[in-house]
Amino acid sequence: RAPGEGTLYAFGNIAAKGPAQRFKLAAFDPALL
């Protein structure tokens, strides 16, 4: 996610039948949330 932008771009691949992967990122607008 580019600084100041609200769109999260997700790309690449994940193995079929594999476990889910989790990531922590910064929220875009905490006050609005």
PDB file of all heavy atoms in Angstrom:
ATOM      1  N   ARG A   1       0.861  -1.184   0.000  1.00  0.00           N
ATOM      2  CA  ARG A   1       0.000   0.000   0.000  1.00  0.00           C
ATOM      3  C   ARG A   1       0.891   1.225   0.000  1.00  0.00           C
ATOM      4  O   ARG A   1       1.731   1.397   0.878  1.00  0.00           O
ATOM      5  CB  ARG A   1      -0.929   0.008   1.234  1.00  0.00           C
ATOM      6  CG  ARG A   1      -1.872   1.203   1.262  1.00  0.00           C
ATOM      7  CD  ARG A   1      -2.887   1.063   2.388  1.00  0.00           C
ATOM      8  NE  ARG A   1      -2.290   1.076   3.707  1.00  0.00           N
ATOM      9  CZ  ARG A   1      -1.963   2.194   4.355  1.00  0.00           C
ATOM     10  NH1 ARG A   1      -2.134   3.388   3.781  1.00  0.00           N
ATOM     11  NH2 ARG A   1      -1.446   2.119   5.574  1.00  0.00           N
ATOM     12  N   ALA A   2       0.739   2.066  -1.003  1.00  0.00           N
ATOM     13  CA  ALA A   2       1.574   3.250  -1.107  1.00  0.00           C
ATOM     14  C   ALA A   2       1.245   4.216   0.027  1.00  0.00           C
ATOM     15  O   ALA A   2       0.086   4.314   0.457  1.00  0.00           O
ATOM     16  CB  ALA A   2       1.360   3.926  -2.461  1.00  0.00           C
ATOM     17  N   PRO A   3       2.243   4.942   0.539  1.00  0.00           N
ATOM     18  CA  PRO A   3       1.976   5.925   1.602  1.00  0.00           C
ATOM     19  C   PRO A   3       0.891   6.912   1.189  1.00  0.00           C
ATOM     20  O   PRO A   3       0.938   7.486   0.102  1.00  0.00           O
ATOM     21  CB  PRO A   3       3.335   6.625   1.775  1.00  0.00           C
ATOM     22  CG  PRO A   3       4.341   5.614   1.330  1.00  0.00           C
ATOM     23  CD  PRO A   3       3.690   4.868   0.209  1.00  0.00           C
ATOM     24  N   GLY A   4      -0.105   7.061   2.056  1.00  0.00           N
ATOM     25  CA  GLY A   4      -1.191   8.000   1.791  1.00  0.00           C
ATOM     26  C   GLY A   4      -2.301   7.463   0.929  1.00  0.00           C
ATOM     27  O   GLY A   4      -3.315   8.142   0.733  1.00  0.00           O
ATOM     28  N   GLU A   5      -2.157   6.265   0.412  1.00  0.00           N
ATOM     29  CA  GLU A   5      -3.182   5.659  -0.446  1.00  0.00           C
ATOM     30  C   GLU A   5      -3.946   4.597   0.326  1.00  0.00           C
ATOM     31  O   GLU A   5      -3.413   3.941   1.214  1.00  0.00           O
ATOM     32  CB  GLU A   5      -2.543   5.036  -1.692  1.00  0.00           C
ATOM     33  CG  GLU A   5      -1.819   6.034  -2.592  1.00  0.00           C
ATOM     34  CD  GLU A   5      -2.780   7.009  -3.237  1.00  0.00           C
ATOM     35  OE1 GLU A   5      -3.936   6.603  -3.518  1.00  0.00           O
ATOM     36  OE2 GLU A   5      -2.404   8.177  -3.465  1.00  0.00           O
ATOM     37  N   GLY A   6      -5.228   4.419  -0.048  1.00  0.00           N
ATOM     38  CA  GLY A   6      -6.078   3.480   0.670  1.00  0.00           C
ATOM     39  C   GLY A   6      -6.183   2.112   0.057  1.00  0.00           C
ATOM     40  O   GLY A   6      -6.797   1.215   0.638  1.00  0.00           O
ATOM     41  N   THR A   7      -5.604   1.903  -1.119  1.00  0.00           N
ATOM     42  CA  THR A   7      -5.724   0.614  -1.806  1.00  0.00           C
ATOM     43  C   THR A   7      -4.590  -0.319  -1.409  1.00  0.00           C
ATOM     44  O   THR A   7      -3.409   0.045  -1.493  1.00  0.00           O
ATOM     45  CB  THR A   7      -5.703   0.808  -3.327  1.00  0.00           C
ATOM     46  OG1 THR A   7      -6.787   1.656  -3.711  1.00  0.00           O
ATOM     47  CG2 THR A   7      -5.841  -0.527  -4.048  1.00  0.00           C
ATOM     48  N   LEU A   8      -4.952  -1.527  -0.998  1.00  0.00           N
ATOM     49  CA  LEU A   8      -3.969  -2.567  -0.710  1.00  0.00           C
ATOM     50  C   LEU A   8      -3.854  -3.470  -1.930  1.00  0.00           C
ATOM     51  O   LEU A   8      -4.849  -4.056  -2.371  1.00  0.00           O
ATOM     52  CB  LEU A   8      -4.392  -3.395   0.503  1.00  0.00           C
ATOM     53  CG  LEU A   8      -3.470  -4.574   0.845  1.00  0.00           C
ATOM     54  CD1 LEU A   8      -2.100  -4.079   1.308  1.00  0.00           C
ATOM     55  CD2 LEU A   8      -4.105  -5.471   1.913  1.00  0.00           C
ATOM     56  N   TYR A   9      -2.661  -3.564  -2.495  1.00  0.00           N
ATOM     57  CA  TYR A   9      -2.404  -4.448  -3.620  1.00  0.00           C
ATOM     58  C   TYR A   9      -1.841  -5.758  -3.090  1.00  0.00           C
ATOM     59  O   TYR A   9      -0.860  -5.763  -2.340  1.00  0.00           O
ATOM     60  CB  TYR A   9      -1.424  -3.807  -4.600  1.00  0.00           C
ATOM     61  CG  TYR A   9      -1.957  -2.556  -5.263  1.00  0.00           C
ATOM     62  CD1 TYR A   9      -1.746  -1.302  -4.687  1.00  0.00           C
ATOM     63  CD2 TYR A   9      -2.700  -2.633  -6.428  1.00  0.00           C
ATOM     64  CE1 TYR A   9      -2.253  -0.156  -5.279  1.00  0.00           C
ATOM     65  CE2 TYR A   9      -3.212  -1.481  -7.035  1.00  0.00           C
ATOM     66  CZ  TYR A   9      -2.981  -0.251  -6.449  1.00  0.00           C
ATOM     67  OH  TYR A   9      -3.493   0.890  -7.029  1.00  0.00           O
ATOM     68  N   ALA A  10      -2.469  -6.862  -3.469  1.00  0.00           N
ATOM     69  CA  ALA A  10      -2.034  -8.190  -3.039  1.00  0.00           C
ATOM     70  C   ALA A  10      -1.734  -9.015  -4.280  1.00  0.00           C
ATOM     71  O   ALA A  10      -2.599  -9.172  -5.153  1.00  0.00           O
ATOM     72  CB  ALA A  10      -3.124  -8.858  -2.198  1.00  0.00           C
ATOM     73  N   PHE A  11      -0.509  -9.546  -4.386  1.00  0.00           N
ATOM     74  CA  PHE A  11      -0.153 -10.302  -5.589  1.00  0.00           C
ATOM     75  C   PHE A  11       0.818 -11.409  -5.217  1.00  0.00           C
ATOM     76  O   PHE A  11       1.456 -11.384  -4.168  1.00  0.00           O
ATOM     77  CB  PHE A  11       0.440  -9.379  -6.663  1.00  0.00           C
ATOM     78  CG  PHE A  11       1.578  -8.520  -6.208  1.00  0.00           C
ATOM     79  CD1 PHE A  11       2.898  -8.923  -6.387  1.00  0.00           C
ATOM     80  CD2 PHE A  11       1.340  -7.293  -5.600  1.00  0.00           C
ATOM     81  CE1 PHE A  11       3.951  -8.122  -5.969  1.00  0.00           C
ATOM     82  CE2 PHE A  11       2.387  -6.482  -5.175  1.00  0.00           C
ATOM     83  CZ  PHE A  11       3.697  -6.901  -5.362  1.00  0.00           C
ATOM     84  N   GLY A  12       0.914 -12.411  -6.116  1.00  0.00           N
ATOM     85  CA  GLY A  12       1.764 -13.568  -5.878  1.00  0.00           C
ATOM     86  C   GLY A  12       0.947 -14.845  -5.916  1.00  0.00           C
ATOM     87  O   GLY A  12      -0.052 -14.949  -6.647  1.00  0.00           O
ATOM     88  N   ASN A  13       1.350 -15.824  -5.113  1.00  0.00           N
ATOM     89  CA  ASN A  13       0.634 -17.098  -5.102  1.00  0.00           C
ATOM     90  C   ASN A  13       0.682 -17.730  -3.724  1.00  0.00           C
ATOM     91  O   ASN A  13       1.549 -17.419  -2.898  1.00  0.00           O
ATOM     92  CB  ASN A  13       1.214 -18.074  -6.130  1.00  0.00           C
ATOM     93  CG  ASN A  13       2.676 -18.413  -5.866  1.00  0.00           C
ATOM     94  OD1 ASN A  13       3.569 -17.800  -6.436  1.00  0.00           O
ATOM     95  ND2 ASN A  13       2.932 -19.395  -5.002  1.00  0.00           N
ATOM     96  N   ILE A  14      -0.273 -18.631  -3.463  1.00  0.00           N
ATOM     97  CA  ILE A  14      -0.330 -19.401  -2.224  1.00  0.00           C
ATOM     98  C   ILE A  14      -0.673 -20.832  -2.575  1.00  0.00           C
ATOM     99  O   ILE A  14      -1.473 -21.099  -3.496  1.00  0.00           O
ATOM    100  CB  ILE A  14      -1.363 -18.808  -1.237  1.00  0.00           C
ATOM    101  CG1 ILE A  14      -1.348 -19.577   0.094  1.00  0.00           C
ATOM    102  CG2 ILE A  14      -2.755 -18.784  -1.843  1.00  0.00           C
ATOM    103  CD1 ILE A  14      -2.180 -18.912   1.186  1.00  0.00           C
ATOM    104  N   ALA A  15      -0.056 -21.798  -1.886  1.00  0.00           N
ATOM    105  CA  ALA A  15      -0.225 -23.209  -2.213  1.00  0.00           C
ATOM    106  C   ALA A  15      -1.651 -23.674  -1.954  1.00  0.00           C
ATOM    107  O   ALA A  15      -2.248 -23.342  -0.919  1.00  0.00           O
ATOM    108  CB  ALA A  15       0.755 -24.058  -1.410  1.00  0.00           C
ATOM    109  N   ALA A  16      -2.196 -24.431  -2.899  1.00  0.00           N
ATOM    110  CA  ALA A  16      -3.519 -25.025  -2.718  1.00  0.00           C
ATOM    111  C   ALA A  16      -3.499 -25.968  -1.521  1.00  0.00           C
ATOM    112  O   ALA A  16      -2.506 -26.648  -1.246  1.00  0.00           O
ATOM    113  CB  ALA A  16      -3.937 -25.783  -3.973  1.00  0.00           C
ATOM    114  N   LYS A  17      -4.608 -25.983  -0.779  1.00  0.00           N
ATOM    115  CA  LYS A  17      -4.813 -26.863   0.374  1.00  0.00           C
ATOM    116  C   LYS A  17      -3.849 -26.568   1.532  1.00  0.00           C
ATOM    117  O   LYS A  17      -3.800 -27.333   2.500  1.00  0.00           O
ATOM    118  CB  LYS A  17      -4.699 -28.340  -0.034  1.00  0.00           C
ATOM    119  CG  LYS A  17      -5.713 -28.759  -1.093  1.00  0.00           C
ATOM    120  CD  LYS A  17      -5.567 -30.232  -1.458  1.00  0.00           C
ATOM    121  CE  LYS A  17      -6.581 -30.631  -2.526  1.00  0.00           C
ATOM    122  NZ  LYS A  17      -6.445 -32.050  -2.905  1.00  0.00           N
ATOM    123  N   GLY A  18      -3.111 -25.484   1.430  1.00  0.00           N
ATOM    124  CA  GLY A  18      -2.199 -25.116   2.499  1.00  0.00           C
ATOM    125  C   GLY A  18      -2.892 -24.250   3.540  1.00  0.00           C
ATOM    126  O   GLY A  18      -4.030 -23.794   3.349  1.00  0.00           O
ATOM    127  N   PRO A  19      -2.237 -24.000   4.658  1.00  0.00           N
ATOM    128  CA  PRO A  19      -2.845 -23.171   5.709  1.00  0.00           C
ATOM    129  C   PRO A  19      -2.908 -21.703   5.298  1.00  0.00           C
ATOM    130  O   PRO A  19      -2.106 -21.224   4.482  1.00  0.00           O
ATOM    131  CB  PRO A  19      -1.901 -23.367   6.898  1.00  0.00           C
ATOM    132  CG  PRO A  19      -0.576 -23.693   6.266  1.00  0.00           C
ATOM    133  CD  PRO A  19      -0.892 -24.472   5.023  1.00  0.00           C
ATOM    134  N   ALA A  20      -3.850 -21.007   5.874  1.00  0.00           N
ATOM    135  CA  ALA A  20      -3.954 -19.566   5.638  1.00  0.00           C
ATOM    136  C   ALA A  20      -2.749 -18.854   6.247  1.00  0.00           C
ATOM    137  O   ALA A  20      -2.171 -19.296   7.238  1.00  0.00           O
ATOM    138  CB  ALA A  20      -5.247 -19.035   6.242  1.00  0.00           C
ATOM    139  N   GLN A  21      -2.374 -17.729   5.649  1.00  0.00           N
ATOM    140  CA  GLN A  21      -1.264 -16.918   6.118  1.00  0.00           C
ATOM    141  C   GLN A  21      -1.802 -15.584   6.634  1.00  0.00           C
ATOM    142  O   GLN A  21      -2.699 -14.993   6.021  1.00  0.00           O
ATOM    143  CB  GLN A  21      -0.262 -16.672   4.989  1.00  0.00           C
ATOM    144  CG  GLN A  21       0.265 -17.948   4.340  1.00  0.00           C
ATOM    145  CD  GLN A  21       1.059 -18.811   5.312  1.00  0.00           C
ATOM    146  OE1 GLN A  21       2.005 -18.328   5.948  1.00  0.00           O
ATOM    147  NE2 GLN A  21       0.678 -20.074   5.439  1.00  0.00           N
ATOM    148  N   ARG A  22      -1.252 -15.104   7.752  1.00  0.00           N
ATOM    149  CA  ARG A  22      -1.752 -13.880   8.372  1.00  0.00           C
ATOM    150  C   ARG A  22      -0.649 -12.832   8.483  1.00  0.00           C
ATOM    151  O   ARG A  22       0.503 -13.156   8.762  1.00  0.00           O
ATOM    152  CB  ARG A  22      -2.339 -14.178   9.753  1.00  0.00           C
ATOM    153  CG  ARG A  22      -3.628 -14.979   9.678  1.00  0.00           C
ATOM    154  CD  ARG A  22      -4.167 -15.351  11.052  1.00  0.00           C
ATOM    155  NE  ARG A  22      -5.474 -15.977  10.944  1.00  0.00           N
ATOM    156  CZ  ARG A  22      -5.669 -17.251  10.641  1.00  0.00           C
ATOM    157  NH1 ARG A  22      -4.620 -18.034  10.449  1.00  0.00           N
ATOM    158  NH2 ARG A  22      -6.893 -17.739  10.544  1.00  0.00           N
ATOM    159  N   PHE A  23      -1.048 -11.588   8.259  1.00  0.00           N
ATOM    160  CA  PHE A  23      -0.118 -10.466   8.275  1.00  0.00           C
ATOM    161  C   PHE A  23      -0.767  -9.299   9.015  1.00  0.00           C
ATOM    162  O   PHE A  23      -1.984  -9.130   8.971  1.00  0.00           O
ATOM    163  CB  PHE A  23       0.233 -10.034   6.847  1.00  0.00           C
ATOM    164  CG  PHE A  23       0.707 -11.153   5.961  1.00  0.00           C
ATOM    165  CD1 PHE A  23      -0.200 -11.946   5.265  1.00  0.00           C
ATOM    166  CD2 PHE A  23       2.058 -11.427   5.846  1.00  0.00           C
ATOM    167  CE1 PHE A  23       0.231 -12.980   4.444  1.00  0.00           C
ATOM    168  CE2 PHE A  23       2.501 -12.466   5.029  1.00  0.00           C
ATOM    169  CZ  PHE A  23       1.585 -13.244   4.328  1.00  0.00           C
ATOM    170  N   LYS A  24       0.066  -8.491   9.666  1.00  0.00           N
ATOM    171  CA  LYS A  24      -0.422  -7.276  10.323  1.00  0.00           C
ATOM    172  C   LYS A  24       0.112  -6.059   9.575  1.00  0.00           C
ATOM    173  O   LYS A  24       1.314  -5.963   9.313  1.00  0.00           O
ATOM    174  CB  LYS A  24       0.002  -7.227  11.793  1.00  0.00           C
ATOM    175  CG  LYS A  24      -0.811  -8.138  12.683  1.00  0.00           C
ATOM    176  CD  LYS A  24      -0.492  -7.905  14.144  1.00  0.00           C
ATOM    177  CE  LYS A  24      -1.396  -8.740  15.039  1.00  0.00           C
ATOM    178  NZ  LYS A  24      -1.131  -8.500  16.477  1.00  0.00           N
ATOM    179  N   LEU A  25      -0.800  -5.153   9.242  1.00  0.00           N
ATOM    180  CA  LEU A  25      -0.444  -3.933   8.533  1.00  0.00           C
ATOM    181  C   LEU A  25      -1.036  -2.726   9.250  1.00  0.00           C
ATOM    182  O   LEU A  25      -1.860  -2.863  10.149  1.00  0.00           O
ATOM    183  CB  LEU A  25      -0.964  -3.981   7.089  1.00  0.00           C
ATOM    184  CG  LEU A  25      -0.481  -5.128   6.200  1.00  0.00           C
ATOM    185  CD1 LEU A  25      -1.149  -5.041   4.833  1.00  0.00           C
ATOM    186  CD2 LEU A  25       1.039  -5.099   6.043  1.00  0.00           C
ATOM    187  N   ALA A  26      -0.631  -1.550   8.808  1.00  0.00           N
ATOM    188  CA  ALA A  26      -1.176  -0.317   9.356  1.00  0.00           C
ATOM    189  C   ALA A  26      -2.548  -0.041   8.754  1.00  0.00           C
ATOM    190  O   ALA A  26      -2.760  -0.204   7.550  1.00  0.00           O
ATOM    191  CB  ALA A  26      -0.235   0.851   9.058  1.00  0.00           C
ATOM    192  N   ALA A  27      -3.490   0.380   9.599  1.00  0.00           N
ATOM    193  CA  ALA A  27      -4.796   0.820   9.114  1.00  0.00           C
ATOM    194  C   ALA A  27      -4.639   2.132   8.361  1.00  0.00           C
ATOM    195  O   ALA A  27      -3.716   2.911   8.625  1.00  0.00           O
ATOM    196  CB  ALA A  27      -5.773   0.968  10.269  1.00  0.00           C
ATOM    197  N   PHE A  28      -5.549   2.379   7.410  1.00  0.00           N
ATOM    198  CA  PHE A  28      -5.431   3.566   6.577  1.00  0.00           C
ATOM    199  C   PHE A  28      -5.880   4.829   7.293  1.00  0.00           C
ATOM    200  O   PHE A  28      -5.173   5.839   7.302  1.00  0.00           O
ATOM    201  CB  PHE A  28      -6.252   3.376   5.295  1.00  0.00           C
ATOM    202  CG  PHE A  28      -6.343   4.611   4.443  1.00  0.00           C
ATOM    203  CD1 PHE A  28      -5.210   5.145   3.871  1.00  0.00           C
ATOM    204  CD2 PHE A  28      -7.561   5.231   4.226  1.00  0.00           C
ATOM    205  CE1 PHE A  28      -5.281   6.295   3.089  1.00  0.00           C
ATOM    206  CE2 PHE A  28      -7.641   6.378   3.455  1.00  0.00           C
ATOM    207  CZ  PHE A  28      -6.500   6.906   2.879  1.00  0.00           C
ATOM    208  N   ASP A  29      -7.051   4.800   7.930  1.00  0.00           N
ATOM    209  CA  ASP A  29      -7.617   5.988   8.580  1.00  0.00           C
ATOM    210  C   ASP A  29      -8.239   5.554   9.904  1.00  0.00           C
ATOM    211  O   ASP A  29      -9.431   5.237   9.980  1.00  0.00           O
ATOM    212  CB  ASP A  29      -8.670   6.637   7.680  1.00  0.00           C
ATOM    213  CG  ASP A  29      -9.154   7.977   8.200  1.00  0.00           C
ATOM    214  OD1 ASP A  29      -9.025   8.228   9.406  1.00  0.00           O
ATOM    215  OD2 ASP A  29      -9.685   8.771   7.397  1.00  0.00           O
ATOM    216  N   PRO A  30      -7.450   5.522  10.977  1.00  0.00           N
ATOM    217  CA  PRO A  30      -7.959   5.034  12.268  1.00  0.00           C
ATOM    218  C   PRO A  30      -9.174   5.810  12.757  1.00  0.00           C
ATOM    219  O   PRO A  30     -10.105   5.223  13.320  1.00  0.00           O
ATOM    220  CB  PRO A  30      -6.775   5.204  13.205  1.00  0.00           C
ATOM    221  CG  PRO A  30      -5.582   5.187  12.318  1.00  0.00           C
ATOM    222  CD  PRO A  30      -6.009   5.847  11.049  1.00  0.00           C
ATOM    223  N   ALA A  31      -9.193   7.133  12.586  1.00  0.00           N
ATOM    224  CA  ALA A  31     -10.322   7.930  13.075  1.00  0.00           C
ATOM    225  C   ALA A  31     -11.607   7.527  12.370  1.00  0.00           C
ATOM    226  O   ALA A  31     -12.658   7.351  13.012  1.00  0.00           O
ATOM    227  CB  ALA A  31     -10.032   9.414  12.871  1.00  0.00           C
ATOM    228  N   LEU A  32     -11.557   7.374  11.058  1.00  0.00           N
ATOM    229  CA  LEU A  32     -12.745   6.963  10.309  1.00  0.00           C
ATOM    230  C   LEU A  32     -13.199   5.575  10.747  1.00  0.00           C
ATOM    231  O   LEU A  32     -14.405   5.319  10.887  1.00  0.00           O
ATOM    232  CB  LEU A  32     -12.448   6.980   8.814  1.00  0.00           C
ATOM    233  CG  LEU A  32     -13.630   6.698   7.884  1.00  0.00           C
ATOM    234  CD1 LEU A  32     -14.704   7.775   8.038  1.00  0.00           C
ATOM    235  CD2 LEU A  32     -13.159   6.616   6.433  1.00  0.00           C
ATOM    236  N   LEU A  33     -12.244   4.689  10.976  1.00  0.00           N
ATOM    237  CA  LEU A  33     -12.574   3.347  11.445  1.00  0.00           C
ATOM    238  C   LEU A  33     -13.279   3.404  12.795  1.00  0.00           C
ATOM    239  O   LEU A  33     -14.286   2.711  13.014  1.00  0.00           O
ATOM    240  CB  LEU A  33     -11.296   2.510  11.546  1.00  0.00           C
ATOM    241  CG  LEU A  33     -11.437   1.086  12.075  1.00  0.00           C
ATOM    242  CD1 LEU A  33     -12.355   0.266  11.190  1.00  0.00           C
ATOM    243  CD2 LEU A  33     -10.056   0.430  12.184  1.00  0.00           C
TER     244      LEU A  33
END
